[in-house]
PDB file of all heavy atoms in Angstrom:
ATOM      1  N   GLU A   1      -4.867  -5.812   3.979  1.00  0.00           N
ATOM      2  CA  GLU A   1      -4.493  -5.679   5.393  1.00  0.00           C
ATOM      3  C   GLU A   1      -3.163  -6.381   5.670  1.00  0.00           C
ATOM      4  O   GLU A   1      -2.321  -5.869   6.409  1.00  0.00           O
ATOM      5  CB  GLU A   1      -5.595  -6.260   6.276  1.00  0.00           C
ATOM      6  CG  GLU A   1      -5.369  -6.010   7.743  1.00  0.00           C
ATOM      7  CD  GLU A   1      -6.522  -6.523   8.600  1.00  0.00           C
ATOM      8  OE1 GLU A   1      -7.651  -6.649   8.085  1.00  0.00           O
ATOM      9  OE2 GLU A   1      -6.264  -6.783   9.787  1.00  0.00           O
ATOM     10  N   LEU A   2      -2.948  -7.534   5.055  1.00  0.00           N
ATOM     11  CA  LEU A   2      -1.699  -8.281   5.212  1.00  0.00           C
ATOM     12  C   LEU A   2      -0.505  -7.445   4.752  1.00  0.00           C
ATOM     13  O   LEU A   2       0.514  -7.366   5.440  1.00  0.00           O
ATOM     14  CB  LEU A   2      -1.769  -9.582   4.412  1.00  0.00           C
ATOM     15  CG  LEU A   2      -0.474 -10.376   4.281  1.00  0.00           C
ATOM     16  CD1 LEU A   2      -0.061 -10.938   5.630  1.00  0.00           C
ATOM     17  CD2 LEU A   2      -0.644 -11.481   3.257  1.00  0.00           C
ATOM     18  N   ILE A   3      -0.627  -6.803   3.586  1.00  0.00           N
ATOM     19  CA  ILE A   3       0.472  -5.994   3.055  1.00  0.00           C
ATOM     20  C   ILE A   3       0.745  -4.791   3.959  1.00  0.00           C
ATOM     21  O   ILE A   3       1.899  -4.479   4.257  1.00  0.00           O
ATOM     22  CB  ILE A   3       0.191  -5.559   1.603  1.00  0.00           C
ATOM     23  CG1 ILE A   3       0.099  -6.793   0.690  1.00  0.00           C
ATOM     24  CG2 ILE A   3       1.258  -4.590   1.106  1.00  0.00           C
ATOM     25  CD1 ILE A   3      -0.376  -6.491  -0.714  1.00  0.00           C
ATOM     26  N   GLU A   4      -0.308  -4.124   4.421  1.00  0.00           N
ATOM     27  CA  GLU A   4      -0.120  -2.981   5.320  1.00  0.00           C
ATOM     28  C   GLU A   4       0.580  -3.411   6.605  1.00  0.00           C
ATOM     29  O   GLU A   4       1.508  -2.741   7.075  1.00  0.00           O
ATOM     30  CB  GLU A   4      -1.467  -2.318   5.633  1.00  0.00           C
ATOM     31  CG  GLU A   4      -1.374  -1.174   6.633  1.00  0.00           C
ATOM     32  CD  GLU A   4      -0.500  -0.007   6.201  1.00  0.00           C
ATOM     33  OE1 GLU A   4      -0.319   0.213   4.983  1.00  0.00           O
ATOM     34  OE2 GLU A   4      -0.004   0.717   7.093  1.00  0.00           O
ATOM     35  N   ASN A   5       0.160  -4.532   7.174  1.00  0.00           N
ATOM     36  CA  ASN A   5       0.793  -5.019   8.409  1.00  0.00           C
ATOM     37  C   ASN A   5       2.262  -5.379   8.173  1.00  0.00           C
ATOM     38  O   ASN A   5       3.116  -5.109   9.015  1.00  0.00           O
ATOM     39  CB  ASN A   5       0.036  -6.222   8.970  1.00  0.00           C
ATOM     40  CG  ASN A   5      -1.314  -5.820   9.543  1.00  0.00           C
ATOM     41  OD1 ASN A   5      -1.536  -4.662   9.882  1.00  0.00           O
ATOM     42  ND2 ASN A   5      -2.223  -6.770   9.632  1.00  0.00           N
ATOM     43  N   ALA A   6       2.560  -5.984   7.032  1.00  0.00           N
ATOM     44  CA  ALA A   6       3.953  -6.328   6.708  1.00  0.00           C
ATOM     45  C   ALA A   6       4.781  -5.061   6.533  1.00  0.00           C
ATOM     46  O   ALA A   6       5.929  -4.999   6.977  1.00  0.00           O
ATOM     47  CB  ALA A   6       4.010  -7.198   5.452  1.00  0.00           C
ATOM     48  N   TRP A   7       4.218  -4.053   5.900  1.00  0.00           N
ATOM     49  CA  TRP A   7       4.913  -2.774   5.740  1.00  0.00           C
ATOM     50  C   TRP A   7       5.299  -2.207   7.103  1.00  0.00           C
ATOM     51  O   TRP A   7       6.424  -1.773   7.326  1.00  0.00           O
ATOM     52  CB  TRP A   7       4.042  -1.784   4.972  1.00  0.00           C
ATOM     53  CG  TRP A   7       4.371  -0.339   5.186  1.00  0.00           C
ATOM     54  CD1 TRP A   7       3.596   0.603   5.793  1.00  0.00           C
ATOM     55  CD2 TRP A   7       5.576   0.342   4.800  1.00  0.00           C
ATOM     56  NE1 TRP A   7       4.231   1.818   5.801  1.00  0.00           N
ATOM     57  CE2 TRP A   7       5.456   1.682   5.196  1.00  0.00           C
ATOM     58  CE3 TRP A   7       6.740  -0.051   4.160  1.00  0.00           C
ATOM     59  CZ2 TRP A   7       6.437   2.637   4.980  1.00  0.00           C
ATOM     60  CZ3 TRP A   7       7.731   0.890   3.941  1.00  0.00           C
ATOM     61  CH2 TRP A   7       7.581   2.209   4.345  1.00  0.00           C
ATOM     62  N   ARG A   8       4.352  -2.218   8.025  1.00  0.00           N
ATOM     63  CA  ARG A   8       4.622  -1.679   9.364  1.00  0.00           C
ATOM     64  C   ARG A   8       5.702  -2.498  10.073  1.00  0.00           C
ATOM     65  O   ARG A   8       6.521  -1.951  10.805  1.00  0.00           O
ATOM     66  CB  ARG A   8       3.340  -1.639  10.173  1.00  0.00           C
ATOM     67  CG  ARG A   8       2.375  -0.595   9.638  1.00  0.00           C
ATOM     68  CD  ARG A   8       1.065  -0.573  10.356  1.00  0.00           C
ATOM     69  NE  ARG A   8       0.150   0.333   9.681  1.00  0.00           N
ATOM     70  CZ  ARG A   8      -0.941   0.805  10.237  1.00  0.00           C
ATOM     71  NH1 ARG A   8      -1.269   0.465  11.466  1.00  0.00           N
ATOM     72  NH2 ARG A   8      -1.715   1.613   9.555  1.00  0.00           N
ATOM     73  N   GLN A   9       5.706  -3.806   9.829  1.00  0.00           N
ATOM     74  CA  GLN A   9       6.697  -4.685  10.449  1.00  0.00           C
ATOM     75  C   GLN A   9       8.098  -4.449   9.894  1.00  0.00           C
ATOM     76  O   GLN A   9       9.075  -4.465  10.636  1.00  0.00           O
ATOM     77  CB  GLN A   9       6.292  -6.145  10.229  1.00  0.00           C
ATOM     78  CG  GLN A   9       7.289  -7.147  10.746  1.00  0.00           C
ATOM     79  CD  GLN A   9       6.885  -8.577  10.415  1.00  0.00           C
ATOM     80  OE1 GLN A   9       5.759  -8.870  10.048  1.00  0.00           O
ATOM     81  NE2 GLN A   9       7.848  -9.476  10.539  1.00  0.00           N
ATOM     82  N   TYR A  10       8.211  -4.231   8.582  1.00  0.00           N
ATOM     83  CA  TYR A  10       9.519  -4.175   7.918  1.00  0.00           C
ATOM     84  C   TYR A  10      10.004  -2.780   7.539  1.00  0.00           C
ATOM     85  O   TYR A  10      11.097  -2.634   7.005  1.00  0.00           O
ATOM     86  CB  TYR A  10       9.489  -5.015   6.633  1.00  0.00           C
ATOM     87  CG  TYR A  10       9.413  -6.498   6.871  1.00  0.00           C
ATOM     88  CD1 TYR A  10       8.229  -7.193   6.633  1.00  0.00           C
ATOM     89  CD2 TYR A  10      10.519  -7.214   7.317  1.00  0.00           C
ATOM     90  CE1 TYR A  10       8.154  -8.567   6.845  1.00  0.00           C
ATOM     91  CE2 TYR A  10      10.459  -8.587   7.532  1.00  0.00           C
ATOM     92  CZ  TYR A  10       9.270  -9.254   7.291  1.00  0.00           C
ATOM     93  OH  TYR A  10       9.200 -10.602   7.494  1.00  0.00           O
ATOM     94  N   GLN A  11       9.227  -1.752   7.814  1.00  0.00           N
ATOM     95  CA  GLN A  11       9.580  -0.422   7.293  1.00  0.00           C
ATOM     96  C   GLN A  11      10.924   0.108   7.792  1.00  0.00           C
ATOM     97  O   GLN A  11      11.505   0.987   7.166  1.00  0.00           O
ATOM     98  CB  GLN A  11       8.466   0.576   7.554  1.00  0.00           C
ATOM     99  CG  GLN A  11       8.212   0.903   9.008  1.00  0.00           C
ATOM    100  CD  GLN A  11       7.049   1.861   9.167  1.00  0.00           C
ATOM    101  OE1 GLN A  11       6.733   2.624   8.254  1.00  0.00           O
ATOM    102  NE2 GLN A  11       6.416   1.836  10.319  1.00  0.00           N
ATOM    103  N   ASN A  12      11.447  -0.423   8.885  1.00  0.00           N
ATOM    104  CA  ASN A  12      12.752   0.022   9.384  1.00  0.00           C
ATOM    105  C   ASN A  12      13.854  -0.980   9.058  1.00  0.00           C
ATOM    106  O   ASN A  12      14.945  -0.916   9.626  1.00  0.00           O
ATOM    107  CB  ASN A  12      12.679   0.279  10.895  1.00  0.00           C
ATOM    108  CG  ASN A  12      11.723   1.403  11.235  1.00  0.00           C
ATOM    109  OD1 ASN A  12      11.696   2.426  10.554  1.00  0.00           O
ATOM    110  ND2 ASN A  12      10.918   1.213  12.259  1.00  0.00           N
ATOM    111  N   ASP A  13      13.579  -1.915   8.156  1.00  0.00           N
ATOM    112  CA  ASP A  13      14.520  -3.006   7.850  1.00  0.00           C
ATOM    113  C   ASP A  13      14.976  -3.015   6.391  1.00  0.00           C
ATOM    114  O   ASP A  13      15.152  -4.079   5.808  1.00  0.00           O
ATOM    115  CB  ASP A  13      13.880  -4.355   8.166  1.00  0.00           C
ATOM    116  CG  ASP A  13      13.618  -4.559   9.638  1.00  0.00           C
ATOM    117  OD1 ASP A  13      14.345  -3.975  10.463  1.00  0.00           O
ATOM    118  OD2 ASP A  13      12.680  -5.309   9.971  1.00  0.00           O
ATOM    119  N   ASP A  14      15.159  -1.884   5.770  1.00  0.00           N
ATOM    120  CA  ASP A  14      15.585  -1.812   4.366  1.00  0.00           C
ATOM    121  C   ASP A  14      14.606  -2.503   3.423  1.00  0.00           C
ATOM    122  O   ASP A  14      15.000  -3.126   2.438  1.00  0.00           O
ATOM    123  CB  ASP A  14      16.989  -2.414   4.181  1.00  0.00           C
ATOM    124  CG  ASP A  14      18.062  -1.636   4.922  1.00  0.00           C
ATOM    125  OD1 ASP A  14      17.901  -0.407   5.056  1.00  0.00           O
ATOM    126  OD2 ASP A  14      19.041  -2.254   5.363  1.00  0.00           O
ATOM    127  N   VAL A  15      13.319  -2.398   3.741  1.00  0.00           N
ATOM    128  CA  VAL A  15      12.267  -2.959   2.883  1.00  0.00           C
ATOM    129  C   VAL A  15      11.302  -1.832   2.544  1.00  0.00           C
ATOM    130  O   VAL A  15      10.842  -1.106   3.421  1.00  0.00           O
ATOM    131  CB  VAL A  15      11.504  -4.111   3.575  1.00  0.00           C
ATOM    132  CG1 VAL A  15      10.410  -4.647   2.665  1.00  0.00           C
ATOM    133  CG2 VAL A  15      12.465  -5.230   3.982  1.00  0.00           C
ATOM    134  N   ILE A  16      11.026  -1.688   1.255  1.00  0.00           N
ATOM    135  CA  ILE A  16      10.072  -0.685   0.776  1.00  0.00           C
ATOM    136  C   ILE A  16       8.894  -1.412   0.151  1.00  0.00           C
ATOM    137  O   ILE A  16       9.075  -2.288  -0.707  1.00  0.00           O
ATOM    138  CB  ILE A  16      10.720   0.243  -0.275  1.00  0.00           C
ATOM    139  CG1 ILE A  16      11.888   0.996   0.341  1.00  0.00           C
ATOM    140  CG2 ILE A  16       9.686   1.204  -0.847  1.00  0.00           C
ATOM    141  CD1 ILE A  16      12.719   1.742  -0.668  1.00  0.00           C
ATOM    142  N   PHE A  17       7.710  -1.069   0.583  1.00  0.00           N
ATOM    143  CA  PHE A  17       6.499  -1.558  -0.060  1.00  0.00           C
ATOM    144  C   PHE A  17       6.029  -0.445  -0.981  1.00  0.00           C
ATOM    145  O   PHE A  17       5.994   0.724  -0.592  1.00  0.00           O
ATOM    146  CB  PHE A  17       5.426  -1.882   0.971  1.00  0.00           C
ATOM    147  CG  PHE A  17       5.668  -3.169   1.696  1.00  0.00           C
ATOM    148  CD1 PHE A  17       6.701  -3.284   2.607  1.00  0.00           C
ATOM    149  CD2 PHE A  17       4.877  -4.277   1.445  1.00  0.00           C
ATOM    150  CE1 PHE A  17       6.938  -4.473   3.275  1.00  0.00           C
ATOM    151  CE2 PHE A  17       5.102  -5.479   2.105  1.00  0.00           C
ATOM    152  CZ  PHE A  17       6.134  -5.572   3.024  1.00  0.00           C
ATOM    153  N   LEU A  18       5.691  -0.804  -2.199  1.00  0.00           N
ATOM    154  CA  LEU A  18       5.288   0.171  -3.201  1.00  0.00           C
ATOM    155  C   LEU A  18       4.058  -0.358  -3.920  1.00  0.00           C
ATOM    156  O   LEU A  18       4.101  -1.426  -4.542  1.00  0.00           O
ATOM    157  CB  LEU A  18       6.440   0.396  -4.195  1.00  0.00           C
ATOM    158  CG  LEU A  18       6.223   1.403  -5.307  1.00  0.00           C
ATOM    159  CD1 LEU A  18       5.911   2.784  -4.728  1.00  0.00           C
ATOM    160  CD2 LEU A  18       7.466   1.476  -6.185  1.00  0.00           C
ATOM    161  N   GLY A  19       2.954   0.374  -3.804  1.00  0.00           N
ATOM    162  CA  GLY A  19       1.707  -0.021  -4.454  1.00  0.00           C
ATOM    163  C   GLY A  19       1.504   0.731  -5.755  1.00  0.00           C
ATOM    164  O   GLY A  19       1.760   1.935  -5.836  1.00  0.00           O
ATOM    165  N   VAL A  20       1.032   0.000  -6.767  1.00  0.00           N
ATOM    166  CA  VAL A  20       0.733   0.605  -8.069  1.00  0.00           C
ATOM    167  C   VAL A  20      -0.720   0.293  -8.403  1.00  0.00           C
ATOM    168  O   VAL A  20      -1.099  -0.873  -8.568  1.00  0.00           O
ATOM    169  CB  VAL A  20       1.659   0.057  -9.180  1.00  0.00           C
ATOM    170  CG1 VAL A  20       1.288   0.651 -10.524  1.00  0.00           C
ATOM    171  CG2 VAL A  20       3.117   0.338  -8.844  1.00  0.00           C
ATOM    172  N   ALA A  21      -1.540   1.341  -8.452  1.00  0.00           N
ATOM    173  CA  ALA A  21      -2.960   1.183  -8.761  1.00  0.00           C
ATOM    174  C   ALA A  21      -3.115   1.007 -10.269  1.00  0.00           C
ATOM    175  O   ALA A  21      -2.824   1.912 -11.046  1.00  0.00           O
ATOM    176  CB  ALA A  21      -3.751   2.392  -8.280  1.00  0.00           C
ATOM    177  N   TYR A  22      -3.584  -0.159 -10.671  1.00  0.00           N
ATOM    178  CA  TYR A  22      -3.695  -0.528 -12.087  1.00  0.00           C
ATOM    179  C   TYR A  22      -5.105  -0.262 -12.588  1.00  0.00           C
ATOM    180  O   TYR A  22      -6.087  -0.721 -11.999  1.00  0.00           O
ATOM    181  CB  TYR A  22      -3.354  -2.014 -12.248  1.00  0.00           C
ATOM    182  CG  TYR A  22      -3.682  -2.556 -13.606  1.00  0.00           C
ATOM    183  CD1 TYR A  22      -2.900  -2.239 -14.703  1.00  0.00           C
ATOM    184  CD2 TYR A  22      -4.779  -3.386 -13.806  1.00  0.00           C
ATOM    185  CE1 TYR A  22      -3.198  -2.737 -15.961  1.00  0.00           C
ATOM    186  CE2 TYR A  22      -5.086  -3.891 -15.052  1.00  0.00           C
ATOM    187  CZ  TYR A  22      -4.295  -3.564 -16.126  1.00  0.00           C
ATOM    188  OH  TYR A  22      -4.604  -4.049 -17.369  1.00  0.00           O
ATOM    189  N   ALA A  23      -5.226   0.455 -13.696  1.00  0.00           N
ATOM    190  CA  ALA A  23      -6.505   0.681 -14.388  1.00  0.00           C
ATOM    191  C   ALA A  23      -7.609   1.058 -13.405  1.00  0.00           C
ATOM    192  O   ALA A  23      -8.677   0.468 -13.396  1.00  0.00           O
ATOM    193  CB  ALA A  23      -6.887  -0.545 -15.213  1.00  0.00           C
ATOM    194  N   ASP A  24      -7.314   2.040 -12.578  1.00  0.00           N
ATOM    195  CA  ASP A  24      -8.239   2.468 -11.538  1.00  0.00           C
ATOM    196  C   ASP A  24      -8.412   3.980 -11.647  1.00  0.00           C
ATOM    197  O   ASP A  24      -7.544   4.663 -12.188  1.00  0.00           O
ATOM    198  CB  ASP A  24      -7.648   2.101 -10.175  1.00  0.00           C
ATOM    199  CG  ASP A  24      -8.696   1.690  -9.154  1.00  0.00           C
ATOM    200  OD1 ASP A  24      -9.895   1.836  -9.431  1.00  0.00           O
ATOM    201  OD2 ASP A  24      -8.303   1.228  -8.074  1.00  0.00           O
ATOM    202  N   VAL A  25      -9.504   4.491 -11.120  1.00  0.00           N
ATOM    203  CA  VAL A  25      -9.685   5.944 -11.083  1.00  0.00           C
ATOM    204  C   VAL A  25      -9.286   6.439  -9.700  1.00  0.00           C
ATOM    205  O   VAL A  25      -9.500   5.754  -8.693  1.00  0.00           O
ATOM    206  CB  VAL A  25     -11.126   6.360 -11.445  1.00  0.00           C
ATOM    207  CG1 VAL A  25     -11.418   6.053 -12.901  1.00  0.00           C
ATOM    208  CG2 VAL A  25     -12.142   5.702 -10.548  1.00  0.00           C
ATOM    209  N   GLU A  26      -8.691   7.598  -9.646  1.00  0.00           N
ATOM    210  CA  GLU A  26      -8.082   8.094  -8.418  1.00  0.00           C
ATOM    211  C   GLU A  26      -9.034   8.125  -7.225  1.00  0.00           C
ATOM    212  O   GLU A  26      -8.660   7.668  -6.133  1.00  0.00           O
ATOM    213  CB  GLU A  26      -7.450   9.465  -8.638  1.00  0.00           C
ATOM    214  CG  GLU A  26      -6.654   9.925  -7.451  1.00  0.00           C
ATOM    215  CD  GLU A  26      -5.780  11.125  -7.757  1.00  0.00           C
ATOM    216  OE1 GLU A  26      -5.436  11.351  -8.923  1.00  0.00           O
ATOM    217  OE2 GLU A  26      -5.437  11.823  -6.795  1.00  0.00           O
ATOM    218  N   PRO A  27     -10.277   8.613  -7.352  1.00  0.00           N
ATOM    219  CA  PRO A  27     -11.154   8.623  -6.170  1.00  0.00           C
ATOM    220  C   PRO A  27     -11.387   7.212  -5.605  1.00  0.00           C
ATOM    221  O   PRO A  27     -11.414   7.028  -4.389  1.00  0.00           O
ATOM    222  CB  PRO A  27     -12.463   9.239  -6.679  1.00  0.00           C
ATOM    223  CG  PRO A  27     -12.069  10.028  -7.876  1.00  0.00           C
ATOM    224  CD  PRO A  27     -10.917   9.287  -8.495  1.00  0.00           C
ATOM    225  N   ASN A  28     -11.523   6.215  -6.467  1.00  0.00           N
ATOM    226  CA  ASN A  28     -11.717   4.842  -5.997  1.00  0.00           C
ATOM    227  C   ASN A  28     -10.452   4.315  -5.330  1.00  0.00           C
ATOM    228  O   ASN A  28     -10.521   3.615  -4.321  1.00  0.00           O
ATOM    229  CB  ASN A  28     -12.127   3.920  -7.146  1.00  0.00           C
ATOM    230  CG  ASN A  28     -13.495   4.249  -7.692  1.00  0.00           C
ATOM    231  OD1 ASN A  28     -14.239   5.030  -7.110  1.00  0.00           O
ATOM    232  ND2 ASN A  28     -13.833   3.663  -8.816  1.00  0.00           N
ATOM    233  N   SER A  29      -9.298   4.626  -5.893  1.00  0.00           N
ATOM    234  CA  SER A  29      -8.028   4.188  -5.311  1.00  0.00           C
ATOM    235  C   SER A  29      -7.842   4.786  -3.921  1.00  0.00           C
ATOM    236  O   SER A  29      -7.465   4.086  -2.972  1.00  0.00           O
ATOM    237  CB  SER A  29      -6.848   4.605  -6.199  1.00  0.00           C
ATOM    238  OG  SER A  29      -6.905   3.972  -7.443  1.00  0.00           O
ATOM    239  N   ILE A  30      -8.114   6.073  -3.788  1.00  0.00           N
ATOM    240  CA  ILE A  30      -7.946   6.747  -2.497  1.00  0.00           C
ATOM    241  C   ILE A  30      -8.928   6.189  -1.462  1.00  0.00           C
ATOM    242  O   ILE A  30      -8.554   5.946  -0.310  1.00  0.00           O
ATOM    243  CB  ILE A  30      -8.062   8.273  -2.670  1.00  0.00           C
ATOM    244  CG1 ILE A  30      -6.841   8.767  -3.460  1.00  0.00           C
ATOM    245  CG2 ILE A  30      -8.178   8.986  -1.334  1.00  0.00           C
ATOM    246  CD1 ILE A  30      -6.895  10.197  -3.895  1.00  0.00           C
ATOM    247  N   ALA A  31     -10.168   5.945  -1.879  1.00  0.00           N
ATOM    248  CA  ALA A  31     -11.155   5.363  -0.964  1.00  0.00           C
ATOM    249  C   ALA A  31     -10.709   3.975  -0.495  1.00  0.00           C
ATOM    250  O   ALA A  31     -10.843   3.627   0.687  1.00  0.00           O
ATOM    251  CB  ALA A  31     -12.520   5.286  -1.644  1.00  0.00           C
ATOM    252  N   TYR A  32     -10.153   3.187  -1.412  1.00  0.00           N
ATOM    253  CA  TYR A  32      -9.641   1.848  -1.076  1.00  0.00           C
ATOM    254  C   TYR A  32      -8.515   1.950  -0.055  1.00  0.00           C
ATOM    255  O   TYR A  32      -8.484   1.219   0.949  1.00  0.00           O
ATOM    256  CB  TYR A  32      -9.160   1.182  -2.371  1.00  0.00           C
ATOM    257  CG  TYR A  32      -8.428  -0.128  -2.218  1.00  0.00           C
ATOM    258  CD1 TYR A  32      -9.115  -1.343  -2.270  1.00  0.00           C
ATOM    259  CD2 TYR A  32      -7.044  -0.169  -2.056  1.00  0.00           C
ATOM    260  CE1 TYR A  32      -8.443  -2.556  -2.165  1.00  0.00           C
ATOM    261  CE2 TYR A  32      -6.363  -1.367  -1.942  1.00  0.00           C
ATOM    262  CZ  TYR A  32      -7.067  -2.554  -1.996  1.00  0.00           C
ATOM    263  OH  TYR A  32      -6.392  -3.753  -1.884  1.00  0.00           O
ATOM    264  N   MET A  33      -7.568   2.848  -0.294  1.00  0.00           N
ATOM    265  CA  MET A  33      -6.432   3.002   0.620  1.00  0.00           C
ATOM    266  C   MET A  33      -6.894   3.476   1.998  1.00  0.00           C
ATOM    267  O   MET A  33      -6.370   3.017   3.022  1.00  0.00           O
ATOM    268  CB  MET A  33      -5.384   3.946   0.017  1.00  0.00           C
ATOM    269  CG  MET A  33      -4.690   3.339  -1.196  1.00  0.00           C
ATOM    270  SD  MET A  33      -3.379   4.370  -1.892  1.00  0.00           S
ATOM    271  CE  MET A  33      -4.280   5.790  -2.474  1.00  0.00           C
ATOM    272  N   LYS A  34      -7.879   4.360   2.045  1.00  0.00           N
ATOM    273  CA  LYS A  34      -8.422   4.805   3.331  1.00  0.00           C
ATOM    274  C   LYS A  34      -9.153   3.661   4.031  1.00  0.00           C
ATOM    275  O   LYS A  34      -9.022   3.491   5.245  1.00  0.00           O
ATOM    276  CB  LYS A  34      -9.360   5.994   3.124  1.00  0.00           C
ATOM    277  CG  LYS A  34      -8.630   7.292   2.857  1.00  0.00           C
ATOM    278  CD  LYS A  34      -9.583   8.445   2.710  1.00  0.00           C
ATOM    279  CE  LYS A  34      -8.804   9.726   2.434  1.00  0.00           C
ATOM    280  NZ  LYS A  34      -9.695  10.867   2.239  1.00  0.00           N
TER     281      LYS A  34
END
């Protein structure tokens, strides 16, 4: 939640947040992001 809130705060300030799902299966990753 902290990272998502920071993304929303900085997304117009030349800051890119990029998530990399490590050793995860896609359905679990998508459920987590939702």
